């Protein structure tokens, strides 16, 4: 089973939920797809085994063939090419590797070269395999890194994906192909606002979902009322509790120090299995 743990709003505790759920189950692989700020490894003290670079393809211009007609620049929807009187400039950070510039070039002056944007790292924390991506500073394209992380998915394992926050392209790429999505939220007006956006995105993607309320006890009841009216299953509540916060601040998954939570995360996964059978 493939389960994505996501949140419309950053800082709701989705990584904590993903890590604790992974540690509570057997035969699990944890994929941290929050490649702009991966932090699941901070909780796991994983033994890193290897690192693989991730590249995109960017235009390589043969300046001897180029006649500076501007066809490639006009075709590029991302303004990644600029034609000066005697030079064609390429801006790798803007290129989406679509290939349109090479297709329209009448001189066949454009080929491709590799452009490194980040890396995928693989390690183990005891029996739990952790895969995470890192987008290099200043590189804007997270999706190719996420795809590289997902390529490490092992079909024989239960896979938990830690999604980037929000509901933009990195979230969509992460959740695509998942059997279920757990949306982690907090019972506040901001939490409710961004939860609604994430729910709308998942409805478009036709991925079944449920909600985990973190820091339960603060805020108000609007998140609960919304879930009830939308018939969204409330899977788990994690209370706003000093002990949990202290362990989090030390980088310790609270299910390892509070064993009763291991059973609660196992129950959470069982609920997900039941919901995916309906």
Foldseek 3Di string as FASTA:
>chain_A
DEEEEAAQDPPLCSLLLLLLLLVLDPQEEEEELQQADDDNCLLQVWDWDDKFWFWAKWKDFQLVQDPLPCQLCVQDPQNQWDGDNRDIHGNVLRDPNPCRSCVRRPRNGIDIDIDTFWMWIWTDRVRYIYIYIHGDPPRDDSLSRSVVSCVPDDPVGHYYYYFHHRQDDSRCSNCQPGQEYEYEFEQAPVRQVSRVVNVVSCVVSVHAYAYEYEQPPDHDCPNVVVCVVVVHHHLYYHHNDPVCVVCVVVSHSVCVVVVVVSVSSVSSVVVSVVVSVD
